Every structure is written in C-alpha cells, then in structure tokens.
Protein backbone atom coordinates (compact mmCIF):
# COMPACT_ATOMS: atom_id res chain seq x y z
CA UNK A 1 -9.53 -51.57 35.17
CA UNK A 2 -12.64 -49.89 33.81
CA UNK A 3 -12.17 -46.98 36.22
CA UNK A 4 -8.56 -46.46 35.14
CA UNK A 5 -9.58 -46.61 31.48
CA UNK A 6 -12.46 -44.11 31.98
CA UNK A 7 -10.24 -41.75 33.99
CA UNK A 8 -7.57 -41.90 31.28
CA UNK A 9 -10.12 -41.31 28.55
CA UNK A 10 -11.63 -38.39 30.49
CA UNK A 11 -8.18 -36.85 30.96
CA UNK A 12 -7.36 -37.23 27.27
CA UNK A 13 -10.65 -35.64 26.21
CA UNK A 14 -10.08 -32.78 28.66
CA UNK A 15 -6.56 -32.20 27.33
CA UNK A 16 -7.78 -32.37 23.72
CA UNK A 17 -10.41 -29.74 24.50
CA UNK A 18 -7.84 -27.46 26.14
CA UNK A 19 -5.43 -27.82 23.25
CA UNK A 20 -8.08 -27.14 20.60
CA UNK A 21 -9.35 -24.05 22.45
CA UNK A 22 -5.81 -22.87 23.04
CA UNK A 23 -4.81 -23.21 19.38
CA UNK A 24 -7.97 -21.33 18.28
CA UNK A 25 -7.16 -18.42 20.56
CA UNK A 26 -3.50 -18.44 19.45
CA UNK A 27 -4.61 -18.47 15.80
CA UNK A 28 -7.05 -15.61 16.46
CA UNK A 29 -4.39 -13.69 18.41
CA UNK A 30 -1.85 -14.20 15.63
CA UNK A 31 -4.40 -13.07 13.05
CA UNK A 32 -5.28 -9.95 15.08
CA UNK A 33 -1.61 -9.11 15.62
CA UNK A 34 -0.83 -9.38 11.90
CA UNK A 35 -3.76 -7.10 11.02
CA UNK A 36 -2.85 -4.61 13.74
CA UNK A 37 0.83 -4.62 12.73
CA UNK A 38 -0.04 -3.89 9.12
CA UNK A 39 -2.09 -0.86 10.15
CA UNK A 40 -0.19 0.42 13.16
CA UNK A 41 1.49 3.73 12.35
CA UNK A 42 3.86 3.40 15.30
CA UNK A 43 5.39 0.29 13.75
CA UNK A 44 5.99 2.31 10.60
CA UNK A 45 4.32 -0.14 8.28
CA UNK A 46 2.15 2.09 6.11
CA UNK A 47 2.36 5.63 7.45
CA UNK A 48 6.12 6.13 7.63
CA UNK A 49 7.98 7.01 4.51
CA UNK A 50 6.67 7.82 1.06
CA UNK A 51 2.93 7.28 0.49
CA UNK A 52 3.01 8.27 -3.17
CA UNK A 53 4.89 10.12 -5.89
CA UNK A 54 4.15 12.43 -8.79
CA UNK A 55 4.94 10.89 -12.18
CA UNK A 56 4.29 12.78 -15.40
CA UNK A 57 1.71 14.99 -13.72
CA UNK A 58 -0.16 12.05 -12.14
CA UNK A 59 -0.21 11.14 -8.45
CA UNK A 60 0.69 7.49 -7.91
CA UNK A 61 0.31 5.71 -4.56
CA UNK A 62 3.45 3.69 -3.84
CA UNK A 63 2.45 2.45 -0.37
CA UNK A 64 0.33 -0.68 0.01
CA UNK A 65 -3.08 0.51 -1.22
CA UNK A 66 -4.95 -2.45 0.30
CA UNK A 67 -3.37 -1.78 3.69
CA UNK A 68 -4.27 1.93 3.47
CA UNK A 69 -7.90 1.16 2.59
CA UNK A 70 -8.05 -1.52 5.29
CA UNK A 71 -6.85 0.97 7.86
CA UNK A 72 -9.48 3.53 6.83
CA UNK A 73 -12.15 0.77 6.94
CA UNK A 74 -10.90 -0.18 10.40
CA UNK A 75 -11.25 3.42 11.64
CA UNK A 76 -14.83 3.62 10.43
CA UNK A 77 -15.63 0.18 11.83
CA UNK A 78 -14.50 1.42 15.27
CA UNK A 79 -17.21 4.09 14.92
CA UNK A 80 -19.83 1.48 13.96
CA UNK A 81 -19.80 2.15 10.21
CA UNK A 82 -19.01 -0.88 8.03
CA UNK A 83 -17.58 0.28 4.69
CA UNK A 84 -15.65 -1.40 1.89
CA UNK A 85 -13.77 1.21 -0.10
CA UNK A 86 -13.75 1.00 -3.89
CA UNK A 87 -10.79 3.26 -4.57
CA UNK A 88 -8.03 5.28 -3.02
CA UNK A 89 -6.15 8.15 -4.64
CA UNK A 90 -4.08 11.25 -4.05
CA UNK A 91 -5.95 14.39 -5.02
CA UNK A 92 -4.59 17.92 -5.37
CA UNK A 93 -7.06 20.51 -4.09
CA UNK A 94 -7.25 24.24 -3.68
CA UNK A 95 -8.48 25.79 -0.43
CA UNK A 96 -12.07 26.99 -0.70
CA UNK A 97 -11.20 30.32 0.90
CA UNK A 98 -7.70 30.83 -0.54
CA UNK A 99 -7.03 30.03 -4.22
CA UNK A 100 -3.26 30.40 -3.63
CA UNK A 101 -3.24 27.52 -1.10
CA UNK A 102 -3.05 23.95 -2.43
CA UNK A 103 -2.98 20.68 -0.56
CA UNK A 104 -2.78 16.99 -1.36
CA UNK A 105 -5.27 14.60 0.19
CA UNK A 106 -5.17 10.81 0.33
CA UNK A 107 -8.86 9.98 -0.19
CA UNK A 108 -10.53 6.57 -0.01
CA UNK A 109 -14.09 6.45 -1.31
CA UNK A 110 -17.01 4.11 -1.66
CA UNK A 111 -20.47 4.27 -3.10
CA UNK A 112 -22.81 2.20 -0.96
CA UNK A 113 -26.46 1.70 -0.32
CA UNK A 114 -27.88 2.70 3.01
CA UNK A 115 -31.58 2.76 3.82
CA UNK A 116 -32.39 2.03 0.17
CA UNK A 117 -30.76 5.25 -1.06
CA UNK A 118 -27.34 5.52 -2.69
CA UNK A 119 -24.79 7.05 -0.34
CA UNK A 120 -21.17 8.00 -0.62
CA UNK A 121 -18.49 7.57 2.02
CA UNK A 122 -15.12 9.33 1.77
CA UNK A 123 -12.26 9.42 4.25
CA UNK A 124 -9.01 11.35 3.95
CA UNK A 125 -5.81 12.65 5.46
CA UNK A 126 -3.84 15.62 4.21
CA UNK A 127 -0.43 14.72 2.84
CA UNK A 128 2.74 16.80 2.69
CA UNK A 129 4.55 16.99 -0.64
CA UNK A 130 8.30 16.62 -0.28
CA UNK A 131 11.16 16.28 -2.74
CA UNK A 132 10.86 12.48 -2.88
CA UNK A 133 7.07 12.24 -2.80
CA UNK A 134 4.02 12.52 -0.58
CA UNK A 135 4.20 11.87 3.15
CA UNK A 136 1.74 11.84 5.99
CA UNK A 137 1.14 15.43 7.15
CA UNK A 138 3.60 17.45 9.19
CA UNK A 139 1.77 16.78 12.46
CA UNK A 140 4.14 13.96 13.37
CA UNK A 141 7.14 16.30 13.26
CA UNK A 142 5.56 19.23 15.08
CA UNK A 143 3.60 17.24 17.64
CA UNK A 144 0.10 18.06 16.39
CA UNK A 145 -2.17 15.08 15.85
CA UNK A 146 -2.83 14.02 12.27
CA UNK A 147 -6.56 14.26 11.68
CA UNK A 148 -8.57 11.79 9.63
CA UNK A 149 -11.80 13.23 8.25
CA UNK A 150 -14.71 11.21 6.89
CA UNK A 151 -17.86 12.33 5.08
CA UNK A 152 -20.98 10.28 4.53
CA UNK A 153 -24.12 11.27 2.69
CA UNK A 154 -25.79 11.49 -0.69
CA UNK A 155 -24.13 9.79 -3.64
CA UNK A 156 -23.37 12.95 -5.62
CA UNK A 157 -22.12 15.15 -2.79
CA UNK A 158 -20.43 15.10 0.59
CA UNK A 159 -17.06 15.53 -1.07
CA UNK A 160 -13.99 16.24 1.01
CA UNK A 161 -12.64 19.76 0.60
CA UNK A 162 -10.63 22.05 2.86
CA UNK A 163 -10.27 25.66 3.85
CA UNK A 164 -7.47 27.47 5.64
CA UNK A 165 -7.46 29.07 9.07
CA UNK A 166 -4.11 30.75 9.59
CA UNK A 167 -1.57 28.10 8.61
CA UNK A 168 -3.96 25.20 9.25
CA UNK A 169 -5.72 23.30 6.49
CA UNK A 170 -9.12 22.21 7.80
CA UNK A 171 -11.03 19.50 5.88
CA UNK A 172 -14.82 19.72 5.58
CA UNK A 173 -17.66 17.96 3.76
CA UNK A 174 -18.90 19.91 0.75
CA UNK A 175 -22.59 19.07 0.42
CA UNK A 176 -22.31 19.86 -3.29
CA UNK A 177 -26.04 19.90 -4.00
CA UNK A 178 -27.16 17.39 -1.37
CA UNK A 179 -30.13 18.42 0.71
CA UNK A 180 -29.19 20.52 3.70
CA UNK A 181 -27.63 18.65 6.64
CA UNK A 182 -27.50 15.33 4.77
CA UNK A 183 -23.70 15.08 5.04
CA UNK A 184 -22.21 13.65 8.20
CA UNK A 185 -18.63 14.64 9.02
CA UNK A 186 -16.46 12.83 11.55
CA UNK A 187 -12.93 13.65 12.63
CA UNK A 188 -10.49 11.70 14.71
CA UNK A 189 -6.76 11.53 15.27
CA UNK A 190 -4.92 8.99 13.14
C-alpha cells in the first residue's frame, strides 16, 4: 500500500512540475508574441498607415507613441544598447547640402548617463508626407529598405540631420560642438 501511495504521489508531483513549467513557457511565449506583434511592421500594427498629421502648423503623432518608442528601444537592445526614450516627435528638417530639400523625421530621443558623463541617444526614420499625413518612407513601395539611423554621444550634440545624394536623403549624426569622433552612428534596415 505504501508503495502504491508513494508511486502515486511521485507521479502527481512530476505532473505538477511539468504543468507549472509548461504554463510558464506558454505565458512567456504569449508575452513575447504580444510584444513582437505590436512591433512587427509586417503585421501592419505600427508602421502601416498614418504615423502622424499636421495640425495648425504642428506635427502630431497619431500612431501609438509607446509602441513606436518600444520598437526603437528594441532595435537598440538588439545591438546591446539599453535605452529608455524620453520623447518622440516628428521634425521637419532641411538638407544640409540643399536648402530647397526638406524632409520629415520621426525622432525618438533620450538623455542618459553613460560612464559618468551625460550622453544623448537619438534614433530616427525618414517619413513621407502625403495628403492624409505622414507615412513610413517610400522604401516599402519601391523595394528599397527603410533605414533606421541612431546617434549616440555627448548630451548637447550628435543630433540627427540629413543630406541629399541624388534623390536619396541620407541621415547623419551632426556632432554640433561635441569633441571630434565622439558621436557614434548606427544604421540598420527597419
């Protein structure tokens, strides 16, 4: 009788362990899927459709701002850089080498401390302005990859700017008074 009881108890404990491990992995999988779905451009969640609009001369983000910042944080985390962005906005800029060329950038930024010194981190994509608002750049329609550019460096510089090469708008990090080579630029497809 004792053997039957011990075998039954052992089986129950084993099953309880399997079930608890299984539900943890399902919970973690569900959590990962919901995060990935909210930031996956192929599912259309945040990158398809209107990102923002112009109202009374101001640029207003109409997409989920938290999801946009989370996606940018995710991209930097994949590169080993943990950042929490403070703000995100649409900025109209003029090309450094062509004052007739303007572009709109969706820029997330953060001031953070690294190595005891204040640093700034900015990340951006160039938007296309259409009749109904701002959209992710034309790369999706023409087959070119959409590029995400990030700049990291001193707190008062390393600002995202762009210049033109032919018809292309190429983002760069403007050191803006930072010591030479203190800005780090990274680019990757969206």
